[in-house]
N, C-alpha and C. Protein backbone atom coordinates (compact mmCIF):
# COMPACT_ATOMS: atom_id res chain seq x y z
N MET A 1 121.90 101.95 112.92
CA MET A 1 122.27 100.51 112.23
C MET A 1 122.21 100.57 110.85
N LYS A 2 122.91 99.77 110.37
CA LYS A 2 123.10 99.67 108.88
C LYS A 2 122.14 99.33 107.95
N ASN A 3 121.80 99.73 106.85
CA ASN A 3 120.63 100.06 106.06
C ASN A 3 120.80 98.69 105.45
N TYR A 4 121.61 97.64 105.54
CA TYR A 4 121.71 96.50 104.62
C TYR A 4 121.28 95.38 105.92
N ILE A 5 121.00 95.69 107.07
CA ILE A 5 120.78 94.66 107.88
C ILE A 5 119.52 94.28 107.93
N ALA A 6 118.72 93.06 107.53
CA ALA A 6 117.46 92.98 107.39
C ALA A 6 116.97 93.28 108.26
N TYR A 7 115.38 93.34 108.50
CA TYR A 7 114.44 93.43 109.72
C TYR A 7 114.67 92.39 110.64
N CYS A 8 115.27 91.03 110.13
CA CYS A 8 115.48 89.78 111.02
C CYS A 8 116.77 89.74 111.43
N GLY A 9 117.68 90.69 110.96
CA GLY A 9 119.24 90.41 111.60
C GLY A 9 119.90 90.12 110.45
N LEU A 10 119.50 89.38 109.33
CA LEU A 10 120.54 88.97 108.49
C LEU A 10 121.26 89.95 107.93
N ASP A 11 122.20 89.72 107.37
CA ASP A 11 123.29 90.74 106.68
C ASP A 11 123.08 90.76 105.20
N CYS A 12 122.13 91.55 104.54
CA CYS A 12 122.03 91.56 102.97
C CYS A 12 123.47 91.81 102.26
N GLU A 13 124.29 92.49 102.78
CA GLU A 13 125.68 92.45 102.00
C GLU A 13 126.22 91.29 101.70
N THR A 14 126.08 90.23 102.86
CA THR A 14 126.66 88.67 102.35
C THR A 14 125.70 88.01 101.74
N CYS A 15 124.54 88.34 101.46
CA CYS A 15 123.43 87.73 100.67
C CYS A 15 123.87 87.18 99.23
N GLU A 16 123.95 86.08 98.66
CA GLU A 16 124.45 85.94 97.44
C GLU A 16 123.47 86.66 96.56
N ALA A 17 122.32 86.73 96.60
CA ALA A 17 121.23 87.14 95.73
C ALA A 17 121.28 88.86 95.62
N HIS A 18 121.90 89.33 96.53
CA HIS A 18 122.38 90.64 96.93
C HIS A 18 123.54 90.79 96.12
N ILE A 19 124.65 90.11 96.22
CA ILE A 19 125.80 90.19 95.46
C ILE A 19 125.58 90.12 94.02
N ALA A 20 124.80 89.27 93.65
CA ALA A 20 124.43 89.09 92.24
C ALA A 20 123.79 90.33 91.50
N THR A 21 122.79 90.89 92.37
CA THR A 21 122.40 92.09 91.85
C THR A 21 123.21 93.39 91.68
N VAL A 22 124.16 93.35 92.41
CA VAL A 22 125.11 94.82 92.77
C VAL A 22 125.85 94.44 91.48
N ASN A 23 126.45 93.20 91.32
CA ASN A 23 127.52 92.67 90.45
C ASN A 23 126.94 92.24 89.35
N ASN A 24 125.77 92.40 88.86
CA ASN A 24 124.84 92.20 87.55
C ASN A 24 125.50 90.61 87.18
N ASP A 25 125.68 89.58 88.15
CA ASP A 25 126.39 88.23 87.87
C ASP A 25 125.30 87.39 87.56
N ASN A 26 125.39 87.27 86.11
CA ASN A 26 124.08 86.21 85.79
C ASN A 26 124.80 84.69 86.32
N ASN A 27 126.06 84.54 86.47
CA ASN A 27 126.30 82.90 86.48
C ASN A 27 126.34 82.94 88.15
N LEU A 28 126.43 83.90 89.10
CA LEU A 28 126.08 83.74 90.39
C LEU A 28 124.30 83.70 90.46
N ARG A 29 123.55 84.35 89.75
CA ARG A 29 122.18 83.97 89.77
C ARG A 29 121.61 82.75 89.48
N VAL A 30 122.22 82.05 88.49
CA VAL A 30 121.82 81.09 88.12
C VAL A 30 122.31 79.85 89.26
N LYS A 31 123.68 79.77 89.78
CA LYS A 31 123.93 79.15 91.08
C LYS A 31 122.93 79.37 92.41
N VAL A 32 122.57 80.63 92.50
CA VAL A 32 121.76 80.82 93.74
C VAL A 32 120.37 80.22 93.33
N ALA A 33 119.68 80.53 92.18
CA ALA A 33 118.50 79.87 91.94
C ALA A 33 118.66 78.19 92.09
N LYS A 34 119.53 77.79 91.66
CA LYS A 34 119.79 75.94 91.74
C LYS A 34 119.74 75.86 93.29
N GLU A 35 120.54 76.26 94.11
CA GLU A 35 120.50 76.21 95.40
C GLU A 35 119.18 76.23 96.12
N TRP A 36 118.78 77.41 95.82
CA TRP A 36 117.39 77.85 96.71
C TRP A 36 116.36 76.88 96.02
N SER A 37 116.38 76.51 95.10
CA SER A 37 115.16 75.76 94.47
C SER A 37 115.11 74.42 95.40
N GLU A 38 116.38 73.74 95.32
CA GLU A 38 116.95 72.65 95.84
C GLU A 38 116.56 72.61 97.34
N LEU A 39 116.76 73.74 98.12
CA LEU A 39 116.97 73.77 99.41
C LEU A 39 115.15 74.20 99.87
N ASN A 40 114.26 74.98 99.03
CA ASN A 40 113.16 75.42 99.33
C ASN A 40 112.13 74.30 98.82
N LYS A 41 112.35 73.36 97.85
CA LYS A 41 112.17 72.66 97.20
C LYS A 41 110.54 73.56 96.11
N VAL A 42 110.87 74.45 95.63
CA VAL A 42 110.34 75.10 94.86
C VAL A 42 111.52 75.59 93.53
N GLU A 43 110.44 75.91 92.37
CA GLU A 43 111.13 76.73 91.54
C GLU A 43 111.58 77.93 91.53
N ILE A 44 112.89 78.10 91.38
CA ILE A 44 113.39 79.56 91.66
C ILE A 44 114.07 79.76 90.55
N THR A 45 113.85 80.94 89.55
CA THR A 45 114.63 80.87 88.40
C THR A 45 115.75 82.05 88.70
N PRO A 46 116.67 82.02 87.54
CA PRO A 46 117.52 83.03 87.79
C PRO A 46 117.18 84.62 87.81
N GLU A 47 116.17 84.90 87.17
CA GLU A 47 115.36 85.86 86.83
C GLU A 47 114.99 86.64 88.24
N MET A 48 114.89 85.61 89.04
CA MET A 48 114.08 85.98 90.51
C MET A 48 115.14 86.33 91.46
N ILE A 49 116.32 86.11 91.16
CA ILE A 49 117.53 86.28 92.15
C ILE A 49 118.22 87.65 91.67
N ASN A 50 117.19 88.93 92.30
CA ASN A 50 117.53 90.35 91.90
C ASN A 50 117.05 90.98 93.46
N CYS A 51 118.04 91.33 94.00
CA CYS A 51 117.39 91.99 95.65
C CYS A 51 118.53 93.21 95.73
N ALA A 52 117.77 94.51 95.87
CA ALA A 52 118.68 95.42 96.50
C ALA A 52 119.03 95.32 97.81
N GLY A 53 118.31 94.74 98.73
CA GLY A 53 118.23 94.68 100.10
C GLY A 53 116.90 94.74 100.82
N CYS A 54 116.66 94.17 101.93
CA CYS A 54 115.20 94.08 102.45
C CYS A 54 114.89 95.14 103.23
N ARG A 55 115.46 96.32 103.55
CA ARG A 55 115.06 97.48 104.30
C ARG A 55 115.55 98.60 102.88
N ILE A 56 116.05 98.27 101.93
CA ILE A 56 116.39 99.29 100.77
C ILE A 56 115.37 98.88 99.72
N ASP A 57 115.14 100.61 99.55
CA ASP A 57 113.95 100.59 98.29
C ASP A 57 114.74 99.76 96.97
N GLY A 58 113.83 99.05 96.29
CA GLY A 58 114.76 98.74 94.75
C GLY A 58 114.15 97.30 94.62
N VAL A 59 114.30 96.30 94.00
CA VAL A 59 114.15 95.23 93.66
C VAL A 59 114.30 94.16 94.78
N LYS A 60 113.53 93.22 94.88
CA LYS A 60 113.39 92.35 95.67
C LYS A 60 113.29 91.11 95.17
N THR A 61 113.93 89.97 95.80
CA THR A 61 113.31 88.36 95.33
C THR A 61 111.94 88.07 95.50
N PRO A 62 111.29 87.27 94.99
CA PRO A 62 109.75 87.18 95.21
C PRO A 62 109.51 86.74 96.79
N PHE A 63 110.52 85.96 97.21
CA PHE A 63 110.39 85.94 98.57
C PHE A 63 110.41 86.96 99.64
N CYS A 64 111.44 87.72 99.22
CA CYS A 64 111.63 88.92 100.44
C CYS A 64 110.73 90.18 100.01
N ASP A 65 110.30 89.82 99.01
CA ASP A 65 109.02 90.96 98.83
C ASP A 65 107.96 91.21 99.10
N SER A 66 107.15 89.53 99.05
CA SER A 66 105.86 89.35 99.71
C SER A 66 105.57 88.50 100.39
N LEU A 67 106.37 87.48 100.61
CA LEU A 67 106.38 86.07 100.98
C LEU A 67 106.90 86.01 102.65
N CYS A 68 107.78 86.68 102.71
CA CYS A 68 108.56 86.56 104.18
C CYS A 68 107.86 87.22 105.26
N PRO A 69 107.58 86.36 106.19
CA PRO A 69 106.40 86.82 107.09
C PRO A 69 107.02 87.68 108.10
N ILE A 70 108.63 87.41 108.35
CA ILE A 70 109.16 88.41 109.38
C ILE A 70 109.15 89.95 108.51
N ARG A 71 109.40 90.10 107.31
CA ARG A 71 109.46 91.40 106.69
C ARG A 71 107.98 91.80 106.57
N GLN A 72 106.97 91.30 106.42
CA GLN A 72 105.58 91.62 106.47
C GLN A 72 105.24 92.12 107.68
N CYS A 73 105.62 91.17 108.77
CA CYS A 73 105.33 91.68 110.37
C CYS A 73 105.91 93.09 110.53
N ALA A 74 107.35 93.43 110.10
CA ALA A 74 108.13 94.55 110.34
C ALA A 74 107.43 95.46 109.82
N LEU A 75 107.07 95.52 108.48
CA LEU A 75 106.41 96.64 107.78
C LEU A 75 105.15 97.06 108.59
N GLY A 76 104.37 96.01 108.74
CA GLY A 76 103.10 96.43 109.16
C GLY A 76 103.45 97.27 110.83
N LYS A 77 104.48 97.00 111.51
CA LYS A 77 104.51 97.67 112.62
C LYS A 77 105.19 98.64 112.54
N ALA A 78 105.95 98.94 111.34
CA ALA A 78 106.50 100.32 111.13
C ALA A 78 107.99 100.27 112.04
N VAL A 79 108.57 98.93 112.35
CA VAL A 79 109.87 98.90 113.11
C VAL A 79 111.04 99.01 111.99
N GLU A 80 112.03 99.90 112.56
CA GLU A 80 113.20 99.60 111.67
C GLU A 80 113.74 98.31 111.34
N THR A 81 113.89 97.57 112.39
CA THR A 81 114.21 95.86 112.44
C THR A 81 113.14 95.42 113.57
N CYS A 82 113.38 94.16 113.81
CA CYS A 82 112.90 93.25 114.53
C CYS A 82 113.29 93.77 115.97
N GLY A 83 114.60 94.29 116.20
CA GLY A 83 115.25 94.49 117.36
C GLY A 83 114.43 95.89 118.17
N ASP A 84 113.62 96.47 117.28
CA ASP A 84 112.97 97.49 117.92
C ASP A 84 111.52 96.99 118.26
N CYS A 85 111.23 95.51 118.26
CA CYS A 85 109.89 95.32 118.44
C CYS A 85 109.71 94.55 120.05
N SER A 86 108.91 94.84 120.75
CA SER A 86 108.74 94.35 122.09
C SER A 86 108.69 93.17 122.09
N GLU A 87 108.05 92.50 121.00
CA GLU A 87 107.70 90.97 121.04
C GLU A 87 108.76 90.18 120.66
N MET A 88 109.93 90.75 120.25
CA MET A 88 111.53 90.01 119.50
C MET A 88 111.71 88.66 120.36
N SER A 89 111.56 88.76 121.52
CA SER A 89 112.10 87.26 122.18
C SER A 89 111.14 86.46 122.27
N THR A 90 110.12 86.71 122.12
CA THR A 90 108.78 85.53 122.04
C THR A 90 108.55 85.22 120.56
N CYS A 91 108.73 85.85 119.77
CA CYS A 91 108.63 85.64 117.97
C CYS A 91 108.96 84.72 117.62
N GLU A 92 107.83 84.11 116.99
CA GLU A 92 108.25 82.59 116.34
C GLU A 92 108.41 82.53 114.96
N LYS A 93 107.87 83.67 114.49
CA LYS A 93 108.43 84.00 113.10
C LYS A 93 109.71 84.39 113.34
N LEU A 94 110.25 84.98 113.72
CA LEU A 94 111.97 85.50 114.28
C LEU A 94 112.86 84.33 114.55
N GLU A 95 112.28 83.61 115.05
CA GLU A 95 112.93 82.51 115.90
C GLU A 95 113.40 81.38 114.89
N ILE A 96 112.56 81.46 113.44
CA ILE A 96 113.20 81.02 112.13
C ILE A 96 114.71 81.25 112.01
N ILE A 97 114.85 82.30 112.21
CA ILE A 97 116.33 83.13 111.72
C ILE A 97 117.11 82.84 113.14
N THR A 98 116.73 83.56 113.85
CA THR A 98 117.74 83.77 115.41
C THR A 98 117.95 82.35 115.93
N GLY A 99 116.85 81.50 115.41
CA GLY A 99 117.11 80.09 116.64
C GLY A 99 118.41 79.44 116.14
N ASN A 100 118.79 79.83 114.88
CA ASN A 100 119.95 79.19 114.59
C ASN A 100 121.10 80.04 113.65
N ASN A 101 121.15 81.24 114.04
CA ASN A 101 121.88 82.38 113.64
C ASN A 101 122.27 83.27 114.67
N GLU A 102 123.28 83.09 115.49
CA GLU A 102 123.52 83.99 116.79
C GLU A 102 123.94 85.44 116.07
N GLU A 103 124.62 85.43 115.22
CA GLU A 103 125.04 86.89 114.63
C GLU A 103 123.84 87.73 114.48
N ALA A 104 122.81 87.04 113.56
CA ALA A 104 121.59 87.83 113.26
C ALA A 104 121.00 88.47 114.62
N LEU A 105 121.04 87.61 115.31
CA LEU A 105 120.52 87.99 116.92
C LEU A 105 121.18 89.07 117.60
N LYS A 106 122.78 89.01 117.47
CA LYS A 106 123.27 89.89 118.11
C LYS A 106 123.57 91.27 117.42
N ARG A 107 122.98 91.34 116.10
CA ARG A 107 122.97 92.58 115.32
C ARG A 107 121.57 93.23 115.78
N LEU A 108 120.52 92.53 115.92
CA LEU A 108 119.38 93.01 116.23
C LEU A 108 119.27 93.60 117.89
N LYS A 109 120.03 92.72 118.67
CA LYS A 109 120.23 93.38 120.01
C LYS A 109 120.95 94.46 120.19
N GLY A 110 121.68 94.79 119.28
CA GLY A 110 122.58 95.83 118.90
C GLY A 110 123.90 96.23 119.92
């Protein structure tokens, strides 16, 4: 499985925070911070928009680093992705992503 597939099945390579990090694109960081602040109704600053990838060593956004319940669960269970977890089909945490993202679910099912 690709290293840039997050525990939840999202593709980190298509994430604008990852793209901004890889390209050191401050304009994209500003854009993403504004969008994510409005979407999540919290203040997200451009400085927070740095992420190497969910399962890649390196910098993470504050949410991905310590607040994402899916990532924290997968780290605790020491699975490569949620696709390796026996509870994947009934997981309410994962349903937040896979419930409206068929591609993420396909990636996990491999």
